[in-house]
Amino acid sequence: HVEEIGGGVCQLSSTMYNAAINAGLQVDARTGHSYEPSYVTPGEDATVSYSKPDFKFTNLSSAKIGIKVTFKDRVVTVTIYGIPVLEEGVTQYMDSKKISTIPPEIEYVEDPTLEPGTEEVMENGSSGSVWETHLVQEKDGKVISDEYMHRTRYKTTKKVIRRNSEAPTEAPVTEATTVAPTVAPTEA
């Protein structure tokens, strides 16, 4: 992976993925992102890149479909027009739940310029996660189907800590003795 400008195309493909699912279209290829997305529920994202990975779906209805995409006020909306694929009164959607959190790996970088025995966080890192996604169908407000679709695992980013692992040196212990002067008794 190389850090670079991006994200716009994947926001569109993820929105298209959700629209295709909600419309009852057949999803043929979908890959989650490497890291947890912020603009869509994790597990409900579809990443795309040159050549691979790709997002693909098939229209199994008896007619052509129309797809309208709009972008307004920083929001992408995908609308699919066509003959309904789902039975009348049935809606379907994805339901994703986090099933585990993966703590970040820790990388230590030795730095002799730090005081011996001290550490300093350079990068906080982030946790990864695993999400399970189900395809849910409802009719008249009641769940009629809840099927497992997939699990998506999102990577962590490393926590980087600078440290000087030398043991701190202790100051030598010195013994101090104080002698109080003696006062000779005086006669009155």
Protein backbone atom coordinates (compact mmCIF):
# COMPACT_ATOMS: atom_id res chain seq x y z
CA HIS A 1 0.00 0.00 0.00
CA VAL A 2 1.13 3.51 -0.79
CA GLU A 3 -0.38 6.55 0.93
CA GLU A 4 -1.86 8.87 -1.68
CA ILE A 5 -4.92 10.99 -2.43
CA GLY A 6 -8.03 8.88 -3.00
CA GLY A 7 -11.33 7.77 -1.55
CA GLY A 8 -13.79 9.46 -3.88
CA VAL A 9 -14.26 6.55 -6.25
CA CYS A 10 -14.64 4.06 -3.38
CA GLN A 11 -17.29 6.23 -1.77
CA LEU A 12 -19.23 5.99 -5.03
CA SER A 13 -18.69 2.21 -5.39
CA SER A 14 -19.72 1.64 -1.75
CA THR A 15 -22.88 3.71 -2.25
CA MET A 16 -23.57 1.80 -5.48
CA TYR A 17 -23.08 -1.49 -3.58
CA ASN A 18 -25.68 -0.48 -0.98
CA ALA A 19 -28.11 0.65 -3.72
CA ALA A 20 -27.69 -2.63 -5.63
CA ILE A 21 -28.36 -4.65 -2.47
CA ASN A 22 -31.40 -2.53 -1.56
CA ALA A 23 -32.74 -2.95 -5.12
CA GLY A 24 -32.38 -6.75 -4.97
CA LEU A 25 -29.71 -6.95 -7.67
CA GLN A 26 -27.17 -9.78 -7.70
CA VAL A 27 -23.72 -8.78 -6.41
CA ASP A 28 -20.97 -10.70 -8.27
CA ALA A 29 -17.79 -9.13 -6.85
CA ARG A 30 -17.18 -7.02 -3.76
CA THR A 31 -14.05 -6.47 -1.65
CA GLY A 32 -13.84 -4.54 1.60
CA HIS A 33 -11.21 -1.88 2.18
CA SER A 34 -7.91 -2.55 3.94
CA TYR A 35 -8.81 -0.13 6.73
CA GLU A 36 -12.17 0.63 8.32
CA PRO A 37 -14.08 3.21 6.22
CA SER A 38 -15.51 6.33 7.84
CA TYR A 39 -18.22 7.19 5.29
CA VAL A 40 -20.20 3.94 5.34
CA THR A 41 -20.87 1.22 7.90
CA PRO A 42 -17.88 -1.14 7.93
CA GLY A 43 -18.74 -4.39 6.15
CA GLU A 44 -20.95 -2.46 3.72
CA ASP A 45 -18.12 -0.94 1.68
CA ALA A 46 -16.89 -1.91 -1.78
CA THR A 47 -13.38 -0.89 -2.72
CA VAL A 48 -12.24 -0.45 -6.31
CA SER A 49 -8.83 0.16 -7.82
CA TYR A 50 -7.17 -0.08 -11.21
CA SER A 51 -7.58 -3.67 -12.49
CA LYS A 52 -8.41 -5.16 -9.05
CA PRO A 53 -10.31 -5.18 -6.76
CA ASP A 54 -13.55 -4.39 -8.54
CA PHE A 55 -17.24 -4.11 -7.71
CA LYS A 56 -19.63 -5.94 -10.07
CA PHE A 57 -23.35 -6.66 -10.05
CA THR A 58 -25.88 -8.21 -12.41
CA ASN A 59 -29.39 -7.04 -13.27
CA LEU A 60 -31.56 -10.16 -13.04
CA SER A 61 -34.80 -8.30 -13.71
CA SER A 62 -36.75 -8.70 -16.95
CA ALA A 63 -35.88 -5.18 -18.16
CA LYS A 64 -33.06 -2.68 -18.34
CA ILE A 65 -32.28 -0.52 -15.32
CA GLY A 66 -31.37 3.15 -15.07
CA ILE A 67 -28.82 4.46 -12.58
CA LYS A 68 -28.82 8.07 -11.43
CA VAL A 69 -25.91 9.37 -9.33
CA THR A 70 -25.96 12.79 -7.70
CA PHE A 71 -23.48 14.65 -5.54
CA LYS A 72 -24.72 17.54 -3.43
CA ASP A 73 -23.55 19.04 -0.14
CA ARG A 74 -20.75 16.44 0.07
CA VAL A 75 -23.27 13.54 -0.15
CA VAL A 76 -23.33 10.91 -2.92
CA THR A 77 -26.76 9.45 -3.75
CA VAL A 78 -27.35 6.49 -6.08
CA THR A 79 -30.87 5.78 -7.34
CA ILE A 80 -31.68 2.67 -9.38
CA TYR A 81 -34.76 2.70 -11.64
CA GLY A 82 -36.35 -0.40 -13.12
CA ILE A 83 -38.85 -3.18 -12.70
CA PRO A 84 -38.71 -4.37 -9.06
CA VAL A 85 -36.77 -7.58 -8.48
CA LEU A 86 -38.01 -8.10 -4.94
CA GLU A 87 -41.52 -9.35 -4.20
CA GLU A 88 -44.01 -6.53 -3.64
CA GLY A 89 -43.80 -5.14 -0.10
CA VAL A 90 -40.36 -6.70 0.56
CA THR A 91 -37.37 -4.54 1.41
CA GLN A 92 -33.82 -5.74 1.85
CA TYR A 93 -30.72 -4.24 3.38
CA MET A 94 -27.40 -5.13 4.94
CA ASP A 95 -26.93 -5.37 8.69
CA SER A 96 -23.31 -5.31 9.87
CA LYS A 97 -22.01 -5.85 13.38
CA LYS A 98 -18.49 -5.65 14.78
CA ILE A 99 -17.54 -9.06 16.13
CA SER A 100 -14.00 -8.30 17.29
CA THR A 101 -11.43 -5.55 17.73
CA ILE A 102 -7.79 -6.15 16.84
CA PRO A 103 -5.29 -4.15 18.94
CA PRO A 104 -2.54 -2.34 17.03
CA GLU A 105 0.95 -3.82 16.82
CA ILE A 106 3.62 -1.89 18.69
CA GLU A 107 6.92 -0.97 17.05
CA TYR A 108 9.75 0.30 19.24
CA VAL A 109 12.41 2.60 17.82
CA GLU A 110 15.59 2.95 19.88
CA ASP A 111 16.54 6.58 20.44
CA PRO A 112 19.68 7.21 22.53
CA THR A 113 18.87 10.94 22.68
CA LEU A 114 16.05 10.20 25.15
CA GLU A 115 16.76 9.88 28.86
CA PRO A 116 17.62 6.26 29.70
CA GLY A 117 14.54 4.23 30.65
CA THR A 118 12.05 6.63 28.99
CA GLU A 119 9.56 6.22 26.15
CA GLU A 120 7.71 8.65 23.88
CA VAL A 121 4.77 7.81 21.57
CA MET A 122 5.49 8.93 17.99
CA GLU A 123 2.34 7.51 16.32
CA ASN A 124 -0.76 6.32 18.21
CA GLY A 125 -1.73 3.70 15.66
CA SER A 126 -5.28 2.38 15.36
CA SER A 127 -7.14 -0.81 16.09
CA GLY A 128 -8.37 -3.09 13.35
CA SER A 129 -11.67 -4.94 13.42
CA VAL A 130 -13.72 -7.80 12.06
CA TRP A 131 -17.31 -7.18 10.93
CA GLU A 132 -19.98 -9.72 10.00
CA THR A 133 -22.61 -8.68 7.48
CA HIS A 134 -26.05 -10.24 6.98
CA LEU A 135 -28.62 -9.70 4.26
CA VAL A 136 -31.96 -8.94 5.91
CA GLN A 137 -35.35 -8.98 4.21
CA GLU A 138 -38.47 -7.50 5.78
CA LYS A 139 -42.13 -7.53 4.83
CA ASP A 140 -44.75 -5.45 6.63
CA GLY A 141 -42.12 -4.46 9.19
CA LYS A 142 -41.26 -8.07 10.11
CA VAL A 143 -37.99 -9.85 9.34
CA ILE A 144 -38.68 -12.71 6.94
CA SER A 145 -35.06 -13.58 6.15
CA ASP A 146 -31.66 -12.98 7.80
CA GLU A 147 -28.77 -14.61 5.92
CA TYR A 148 -25.02 -14.44 6.44
CA MET A 149 -23.26 -12.58 3.59
CA HIS A 150 -19.60 -12.15 4.52
CA ARG A 151 -16.96 -11.20 7.07
CA THR A 152 -14.65 -8.26 6.51
CA ARG A 153 -11.35 -7.87 8.35
CA TYR A 154 -9.83 -4.38 8.60
CA LYS A 155 -6.12 -3.93 9.32
CA THR A 156 -4.51 -2.11 12.21
CA THR A 157 -1.96 0.66 11.93
CA LYS A 158 1.15 0.33 14.07
CA LYS A 159 1.68 2.24 17.27
CA VAL A 160 5.26 3.59 17.13
CA ILE A 161 7.13 4.31 20.36
CA ARG A 162 10.58 5.88 20.65
CA ARG A 163 12.52 4.67 23.64
CA ASN A 164 15.92 4.48 25.25
CA SER A 165 16.00 1.03 26.77
CA GLU A 166 19.20 1.61 28.72
CA ALA A 167 18.65 1.26 32.43
CA PRO A 168 18.56 4.62 34.18
CA THR A 169 21.70 5.32 36.16
CA GLU A 170 21.22 5.82 39.86
CA ALA A 171 23.00 8.63 41.66
CA PRO A 172 25.69 7.30 44.02
CA VAL A 173 24.57 7.10 47.63
CA THR A 174 26.68 9.25 49.93
CA GLU A 175 26.79 9.01 53.65
CA ALA A 176 26.76 12.23 55.58
CA THR A 177 27.68 12.49 59.21
CA THR A 178 26.98 15.56 61.20
CA VAL A 179 28.72 16.17 64.49
CA ALA A 180 27.11 18.59 66.86
CA PRO A 181 29.56 20.81 68.70
CA THR A 182 29.77 20.11 72.33
CA VAL A 183 29.21 22.96 74.73
CA ALA A 184 31.31 23.01 77.87
CA PRO A 185 29.33 23.54 81.02
CA THR A 186 29.71 27.01 82.49
CA GLU A 187 29.88 27.97 86.11
CA ALA A 188 27.77 30.71 87.44
